[in-house]
């Protein structure tokens, strides 16, 4: 089933909404709502005002965070993802699609950063991790 930013889709009780992200190719972010809970998945790209509007009030943001804070066109950063979660008042942030060579350093820095983010649970999920909202 195809989704478009102007079209809300409900399937099996799940409501899907999308918006365009900033990327070199067309990229949609997705918000999934179910029984009063919601998650936001960024896909591969950097936030736009339209995608930020979808993230507001979610319980979890899963965001592409390629580098710690170095901007690369069409990619999110760890610091940008943290800023997005704060602005959208989202309590949980999962950082994904981290550049392979920097992943270990980013994980260490995020662990330190997470301690200073009292109202934000920042995580770098590993295969098999589970999270309940």
N, C-alpha and C. Protein backbone atom coordinates (compact mmCIF):
# COMPACT_ATOMS: atom_id res chain seq x y z
N UNK A 1 0.85 -1.17 0.00
CA UNK A 1 0.00 0.00 0.00
C UNK A 1 0.90 1.24 0.00
N UNK A 2 0.67 2.14 -0.90
CA UNK A 2 1.45 3.36 -0.98
C UNK A 2 0.82 4.44 -0.10
N UNK A 3 1.68 5.25 0.50
CA UNK A 3 1.22 6.38 1.29
C UNK A 3 1.85 7.65 0.73
N UNK A 4 1.15 8.74 0.90
CA UNK A 4 1.61 10.05 0.46
C UNK A 4 1.37 11.04 1.59
N UNK A 5 2.14 12.14 1.63
CA UNK A 5 1.97 13.12 2.71
C UNK A 5 0.56 13.68 2.86
N UNK A 6 -0.20 13.71 1.81
CA UNK A 6 -1.56 14.27 1.90
C UNK A 6 -2.61 13.21 2.23
N UNK A 7 -2.19 11.97 2.38
CA UNK A 7 -3.13 10.88 2.56
C UNK A 7 -2.85 10.12 3.85
N UNK A 8 -3.83 10.09 4.74
CA UNK A 8 -3.74 9.31 5.97
C UNK A 8 -4.28 7.92 5.68
N UNK A 9 -3.58 6.89 6.13
CA UNK A 9 -3.99 5.51 5.88
C UNK A 9 -4.22 4.81 7.22
N UNK A 10 -5.36 4.13 7.34
CA UNK A 10 -5.63 3.32 8.53
C UNK A 10 -5.74 1.88 8.10
N UNK A 11 -4.99 1.03 8.78
CA UNK A 11 -4.94 -0.39 8.44
C UNK A 11 -4.75 -1.18 9.72
N UNK A 12 -5.65 -2.14 10.00
CA UNK A 12 -5.59 -2.98 11.19
C UNK A 12 -5.52 -2.15 12.48
N UNK A 13 -6.20 -1.02 12.50
CA UNK A 13 -6.23 -0.17 13.68
C UNK A 13 -5.04 0.77 13.80
N UNK A 14 -4.07 0.66 12.91
CA UNK A 14 -2.91 1.54 12.90
C UNK A 14 -3.17 2.69 11.93
N UNK A 15 -2.83 3.91 12.33
CA UNK A 15 -2.97 5.06 11.45
C UNK A 15 -1.58 5.51 11.04
N UNK A 16 -1.37 5.62 9.73
CA UNK A 16 -0.08 6.00 9.16
C UNK A 16 -0.21 7.39 8.54
N UNK A 17 0.72 8.27 8.91
CA UNK A 17 0.81 9.59 8.29
C UNK A 17 2.26 9.82 7.89
N UNK A 18 2.47 10.55 6.80
CA UNK A 18 3.82 10.78 6.31
C UNK A 18 4.04 12.26 5.98
N UNK A 19 5.33 12.61 5.89
CA UNK A 19 5.74 13.93 5.43
C UNK A 19 7.09 13.75 4.74
N UNK A 20 7.46 14.73 3.95
CA UNK A 20 8.75 14.63 3.27
C UNK A 20 9.88 15.09 4.18
N UNK A 21 11.00 14.39 4.10
CA UNK A 21 12.24 14.70 4.79
C UNK A 21 13.19 15.34 3.80
N UNK A 22 14.26 15.94 4.28
CA UNK A 22 15.29 16.48 3.39
C UNK A 22 16.30 15.38 3.07
N UNK A 23 16.43 15.05 1.80
CA UNK A 23 17.37 14.01 1.36
C UNK A 23 17.64 14.23 -0.12
N UNK A 24 18.68 13.59 -0.63
CA UNK A 24 19.00 13.76 -2.05
C UNK A 24 17.96 13.10 -2.96
N UNK A 25 17.24 12.12 -2.44
CA UNK A 25 16.12 11.49 -3.14
C UNK A 25 14.88 11.67 -2.29
N UNK A 26 13.74 11.48 -2.88
CA UNK A 26 12.50 11.62 -2.11
C UNK A 26 12.51 10.65 -0.94
N UNK A 27 12.20 11.17 0.22
CA UNK A 27 12.23 10.38 1.44
C UNK A 27 11.06 10.80 2.31
N UNK A 28 10.30 9.83 2.78
CA UNK A 28 9.17 10.12 3.64
C UNK A 28 9.45 9.67 5.07
N UNK A 29 9.09 10.52 6.02
CA UNK A 29 9.06 10.12 7.42
C UNK A 29 7.69 9.51 7.67
N UNK A 30 7.58 8.73 8.72
CA UNK A 30 6.29 8.10 9.00
C UNK A 30 5.96 8.19 10.49
N UNK A 31 4.73 8.54 10.76
CA UNK A 31 4.19 8.50 12.12
C UNK A 31 3.14 7.41 12.13
N UNK A 32 3.24 6.54 13.14
CA UNK A 32 2.27 5.46 13.30
C UNK A 32 1.59 5.64 14.64
N UNK A 33 0.26 5.74 14.61
CA UNK A 33 -0.53 5.89 15.83
C UNK A 33 -1.37 4.63 16.05
N UNK A 34 -1.43 4.20 17.34
CA UNK A 34 -2.23 3.03 17.69
C UNK A 34 -2.65 3.15 19.15
N UNK A 35 -3.92 3.16 19.39
CA UNK A 35 -4.50 3.19 20.73
C UNK A 35 -3.88 4.26 21.63
N UNK A 36 -3.79 5.46 21.10
CA UNK A 36 -3.28 6.60 21.89
C UNK A 36 -1.77 6.68 22.01
N UNK A 37 -1.05 5.78 21.39
CA UNK A 37 0.42 5.78 21.41
C UNK A 37 0.92 6.03 19.99
N UNK A 38 2.12 6.62 19.88
CA UNK A 38 2.63 6.90 18.55
C UNK A 38 4.15 6.84 18.50
N UNK A 39 4.65 6.42 17.33
CA UNK A 39 6.08 6.44 17.06
C UNK A 39 6.32 7.18 15.76
N UNK A 40 7.51 7.70 15.63
CA UNK A 40 7.91 8.47 14.46
C UNK A 40 9.20 7.86 13.94
N UNK A 41 9.26 7.58 12.65
CA UNK A 41 10.45 7.01 12.03
C UNK A 41 10.90 7.93 10.91
N UNK A 42 12.15 8.37 10.98
CA UNK A 42 12.63 9.39 10.04
C UNK A 42 13.01 8.87 8.67
N UNK A 43 13.26 7.58 8.53
CA UNK A 43 13.83 7.13 7.27
C UNK A 43 15.24 7.67 7.18
N UNK A 44 15.72 7.94 6.00
CA UNK A 44 17.08 8.41 5.78
C UNK A 44 17.01 9.87 5.39
N UNK A 45 17.25 10.77 6.33
CA UNK A 45 17.17 12.17 5.97
C UNK A 45 17.15 13.09 7.16
N UNK A 46 17.10 14.36 6.87
CA UNK A 46 17.11 15.42 7.86
C UNK A 46 15.70 16.01 7.99
N UNK A 47 15.36 16.44 9.17
CA UNK A 47 14.01 16.96 9.45
C UNK A 47 13.69 18.20 8.64
N UNK A 48 12.41 18.34 8.35
CA UNK A 48 11.84 19.53 7.72
C UNK A 48 10.73 20.03 8.66
N UNK A 49 10.24 21.24 8.46
CA UNK A 49 9.12 21.69 9.30
C UNK A 49 7.92 20.75 9.22
N UNK A 50 7.67 20.17 8.04
CA UNK A 50 6.54 19.24 7.89
C UNK A 50 6.78 17.95 8.66
N UNK A 51 8.00 17.44 8.61
CA UNK A 51 8.27 16.20 9.35
C UNK A 51 8.28 16.45 10.85
N UNK A 52 8.76 17.63 11.26
CA UNK A 52 8.73 17.97 12.69
C UNK A 52 7.30 18.01 13.22
N UNK A 53 6.38 18.51 12.41
CA UNK A 53 4.99 18.57 12.84
C UNK A 53 4.44 17.18 13.13
N UNK A 54 4.87 16.18 12.37
CA UNK A 54 4.43 14.81 12.62
C UNK A 54 5.02 14.23 13.89
N UNK A 55 6.23 14.65 14.25
CA UNK A 55 6.91 14.10 15.43
C UNK A 55 6.32 14.59 16.75
N UNK A 56 5.69 15.75 16.74
CA UNK A 56 5.20 16.35 17.98
C UNK A 56 4.26 15.41 18.73
N UNK A 57 4.58 15.22 20.00
CA UNK A 57 3.72 14.44 20.87
C UNK A 57 3.87 12.93 20.78
N UNK A 58 4.78 12.43 19.98
CA UNK A 58 5.00 10.98 19.91
C UNK A 58 5.66 10.48 21.20
N UNK A 59 5.59 9.20 21.43
CA UNK A 59 6.28 8.60 22.57
C UNK A 59 7.72 8.23 22.22
N UNK A 60 7.99 8.00 20.94
CA UNK A 60 9.32 7.56 20.50
C UNK A 60 9.63 8.13 19.13
N UNK A 61 10.83 8.70 18.99
CA UNK A 61 11.37 9.09 17.69
C UNK A 61 12.50 8.13 17.37
N UNK A 62 12.46 7.54 16.19
CA UNK A 62 13.56 6.73 15.67
C UNK A 62 14.14 7.57 14.54
N UNK A 63 15.37 8.06 14.73
CA UNK A 63 15.89 9.04 13.77
C UNK A 63 17.27 8.70 13.24
N UNK A 64 17.42 8.87 11.95
CA UNK A 64 18.70 8.73 11.28
C UNK A 64 19.65 9.80 11.81
N UNK A 65 20.81 9.37 12.30
CA UNK A 65 21.77 10.29 12.93
C UNK A 65 23.17 9.91 12.45
N UNK A 66 23.47 10.23 11.22
CA UNK A 66 24.67 9.73 10.55
C UNK A 66 25.96 10.12 11.26
N UNK A 67 26.10 11.38 11.66
CA UNK A 67 27.29 11.84 12.37
C UNK A 67 26.87 12.57 13.64
N UNK A 68 27.83 12.80 14.53
CA UNK A 68 27.53 13.43 15.81
C UNK A 68 26.95 14.84 15.60
N UNK A 69 27.70 15.70 14.93
CA UNK A 69 27.20 17.06 14.72
C UNK A 69 27.65 17.68 13.40
N UNK A 70 28.38 16.94 12.59
CA UNK A 70 28.80 17.44 11.29
C UNK A 70 27.66 17.27 10.29
N UNK A 71 27.24 18.39 9.72
CA UNK A 71 26.13 18.38 8.76
C UNK A 71 26.58 17.83 7.41
N UNK A 72 25.86 16.87 6.89
CA UNK A 72 26.04 16.37 5.53
C UNK A 72 24.67 16.48 4.88
N UNK A 73 24.62 17.08 3.69
CA UNK A 73 23.32 17.31 3.04
C UNK A 73 22.48 16.03 3.01
N UNK A 74 21.25 16.16 3.49
CA UNK A 74 20.30 15.07 3.43
C UNK A 74 20.42 14.05 4.53
N UNK A 75 21.25 14.32 5.54
CA UNK A 75 21.40 13.38 6.65
C UNK A 75 21.20 14.08 7.98
N UNK A 76 20.64 13.35 8.92
CA UNK A 76 20.48 13.87 10.26
C UNK A 76 21.76 13.70 11.06
N UNK A 77 21.83 14.40 12.19
CA UNK A 77 22.95 14.27 13.12
C UNK A 77 22.42 13.88 14.49
N UNK A 78 23.32 13.40 15.34
CA UNK A 78 22.92 13.06 16.71
C UNK A 78 22.39 14.31 17.41
N UNK A 79 23.13 15.41 17.33
CA UNK A 79 22.70 16.63 18.01
C UNK A 79 21.40 17.18 17.42
N UNK A 80 21.25 17.08 16.11
CA UNK A 80 20.01 17.52 15.48
C UNK A 80 18.81 16.67 15.92
N UNK A 81 19.05 15.37 16.08
CA UNK A 81 17.98 14.47 16.52
C UNK A 81 17.57 14.77 17.96
N UNK A 82 18.56 15.05 18.80
CA UNK A 82 18.28 15.41 20.20
C UNK A 82 17.47 16.72 20.23
N UNK A 83 17.89 17.69 19.43
CA UNK A 83 17.18 18.97 19.36
C UNK A 83 15.73 18.76 18.88
N UNK A 84 15.55 17.92 17.88
CA UNK A 84 14.21 17.62 17.38
C UNK A 84 13.33 17.02 18.48
N UNK A 85 13.86 16.03 19.20
CA UNK A 85 13.09 15.39 20.27
C UNK A 85 12.69 16.39 21.34
N UNK A 86 13.61 17.28 21.70
CA UNK A 86 13.29 18.30 22.71
C UNK A 86 12.21 19.26 22.20
N UNK A 87 12.39 19.77 20.98
CA UNK A 87 11.41 20.71 20.42
C UNK A 87 10.03 20.09 20.28
N UNK A 88 9.98 18.81 19.98
CA UNK A 88 8.71 18.12 19.78
C UNK A 88 8.17 17.49 21.05
N UNK A 89 8.87 17.69 22.15
CA UNK A 89 8.48 17.17 23.47
C UNK A 89 8.24 15.67 23.45
N UNK A 90 9.21 14.96 22.89
CA UNK A 90 9.15 13.50 22.80
C UNK A 90 10.12 12.94 23.85
N UNK A 91 9.67 12.02 24.71
CA UNK A 91 10.52 11.55 25.81
C UNK A 91 11.58 10.51 25.44
N UNK A 92 11.44 9.84 24.29
CA UNK A 92 12.36 8.76 23.94
C UNK A 92 12.89 8.95 22.53
N UNK A 93 14.20 8.76 22.37
CA UNK A 93 14.86 8.96 21.09
C UNK A 93 15.80 7.79 20.82
N UNK A 94 15.58 7.11 19.71
CA UNK A 94 16.48 6.03 19.26
C UNK A 94 17.26 6.54 18.06
N UNK A 95 18.59 6.52 18.15
CA UNK A 95 19.46 7.00 17.09
C UNK A 95 19.88 5.82 16.22
N UNK A 96 19.62 5.92 14.92
CA UNK A 96 19.94 4.83 14.00
C UNK A 96 20.70 5.36 12.80
N UNK A 97 21.21 4.45 11.96
CA UNK A 97 21.95 4.77 10.75
C UNK A 97 23.15 5.68 11.04
N UNK A 98 23.89 5.32 12.09
CA UNK A 98 25.10 6.05 12.47
C UNK A 98 26.24 5.56 11.59
N UNK A 99 27.06 6.47 11.12
CA UNK A 99 28.19 6.13 10.25
C UNK A 99 29.06 5.07 10.94
N UNK A 100 29.33 3.99 10.24
CA UNK A 100 30.00 2.81 10.79
C UNK A 100 31.32 3.13 11.51
N UNK A 101 32.16 3.95 10.90
CA UNK A 101 33.47 4.25 11.50
C UNK A 101 33.36 5.08 12.77
N UNK A 102 32.26 5.79 12.94
CA UNK A 102 32.10 6.66 14.11
C UNK A 102 31.16 6.07 15.17
N UNK A 103 30.57 4.93 14.88
CA UNK A 103 29.54 4.36 15.76
C UNK A 103 30.00 4.19 17.21
N UNK A 104 31.17 3.60 17.43
CA UNK A 104 31.64 3.37 18.81
C UNK A 104 31.83 4.68 19.55
N UNK A 105 32.43 5.67 18.88
CA UNK A 105 32.63 6.98 19.51
C UNK A 105 31.29 7.65 19.79
N UNK A 106 30.37 7.55 18.85
CA UNK A 106 29.05 8.15 19.05
C UNK A 106 28.34 7.50 20.23
N UNK A 107 28.42 6.18 20.36
CA UNK A 107 27.77 5.48 21.47
C UNK A 107 28.34 5.98 22.80
N UNK A 108 29.65 6.14 22.89
CA UNK A 108 30.27 6.65 24.13
C UNK A 108 29.80 8.07 24.42
N UNK A 109 29.80 8.91 23.41
CA UNK A 109 29.40 10.31 23.60
C UNK A 109 27.92 10.41 23.94
N UNK A 110 27.10 9.57 23.34
CA UNK A 110 25.66 9.59 23.63
C UNK A 110 25.41 9.15 25.07
N UNK A 111 26.16 8.18 25.55
CA UNK A 111 26.01 7.73 26.95
C UNK A 111 26.27 8.90 27.90
N UNK A 112 27.27 9.70 27.61
CA UNK A 112 27.57 10.88 28.43
C UNK A 112 26.49 11.93 28.26
N UNK A 113 26.09 12.18 27.02
CA UNK A 113 25.04 13.16 26.74
C UNK A 113 23.71 12.77 27.40
N UNK A 114 23.40 11.50 27.35
CA UNK A 114 22.11 11.02 27.87
C UNK A 114 21.95 11.39 29.35
N UNK A 115 23.05 11.37 30.08
CA UNK A 115 22.98 11.71 31.51
C UNK A 115 22.58 13.17 31.73
N UNK A 116 22.94 14.03 30.77
CA UNK A 116 22.61 15.45 30.91
C UNK A 116 21.23 15.80 30.35
N UNK A 117 20.58 14.85 29.72
CA UNK A 117 19.26 15.07 29.11
C UNK A 117 18.19 14.49 30.03
N UNK A 118 17.94 15.14 31.16
CA UNK A 118 17.08 14.57 32.19
C UNK A 118 15.68 14.20 31.73
N UNK A 119 15.12 14.90 30.77
CA UNK A 119 13.77 14.60 30.32
C UNK A 119 13.74 13.84 29.01
N UNK A 120 14.90 13.37 28.56
CA UNK A 120 14.98 12.68 27.28
C UNK A 120 15.79 11.39 27.44
N UNK A 121 15.17 10.28 27.11
CA UNK A 121 15.83 8.98 27.12
C UNK A 121 16.44 8.76 25.73
N UNK A 122 17.77 8.87 25.62
CA UNK A 122 18.47 8.72 24.35
C UNK A 122 19.12 7.35 24.30
N UNK A 123 18.91 6.62 23.20
CA UNK A 123 19.47 5.28 23.09
C UNK A 123 19.98 5.02 21.68
N UNK A 124 20.94 4.11 21.58
CA UNK A 124 21.43 3.61 20.30
C UNK A 124 21.09 2.12 20.30
N UNK A 125 19.97 1.74 19.68
CA UNK A 125 19.54 0.34 19.75
C UNK A 125 20.48 -0.60 19.00
N UNK A 126 20.55 -1.80 19.52
CA UNK A 126 21.32 -2.88 18.91
C UNK A 126 20.33 -3.94 18.44
N UNK A 127 20.72 -4.80 17.50
CA UNK A 127 19.82 -5.86 17.05
C UNK A 127 19.30 -6.68 18.25
N UNK A 128 18.00 -6.90 18.26
CA UNK A 128 17.37 -7.68 19.32
C UNK A 128 16.88 -6.85 20.49
N UNK A 129 17.27 -5.57 20.57
CA UNK A 129 16.76 -4.72 21.65
C UNK A 129 15.26 -4.57 21.52
N UNK A 130 14.60 -4.41 22.66
CA UNK A 130 13.16 -4.18 22.70
C UNK A 130 12.89 -2.92 23.51
N UNK A 131 11.83 -2.23 23.13
CA UNK A 131 11.44 -1.01 23.83
C UNK A 131 9.91 -0.96 23.85
N UNK A 132 9.35 -0.71 25.01
CA UNK A 132 7.90 -0.67 25.15
C UNK A 132 7.45 0.77 25.38
N UNK A 133 6.43 1.19 24.63
CA UNK A 133 5.87 2.53 24.86
C UNK A 133 4.47 2.39 25.43
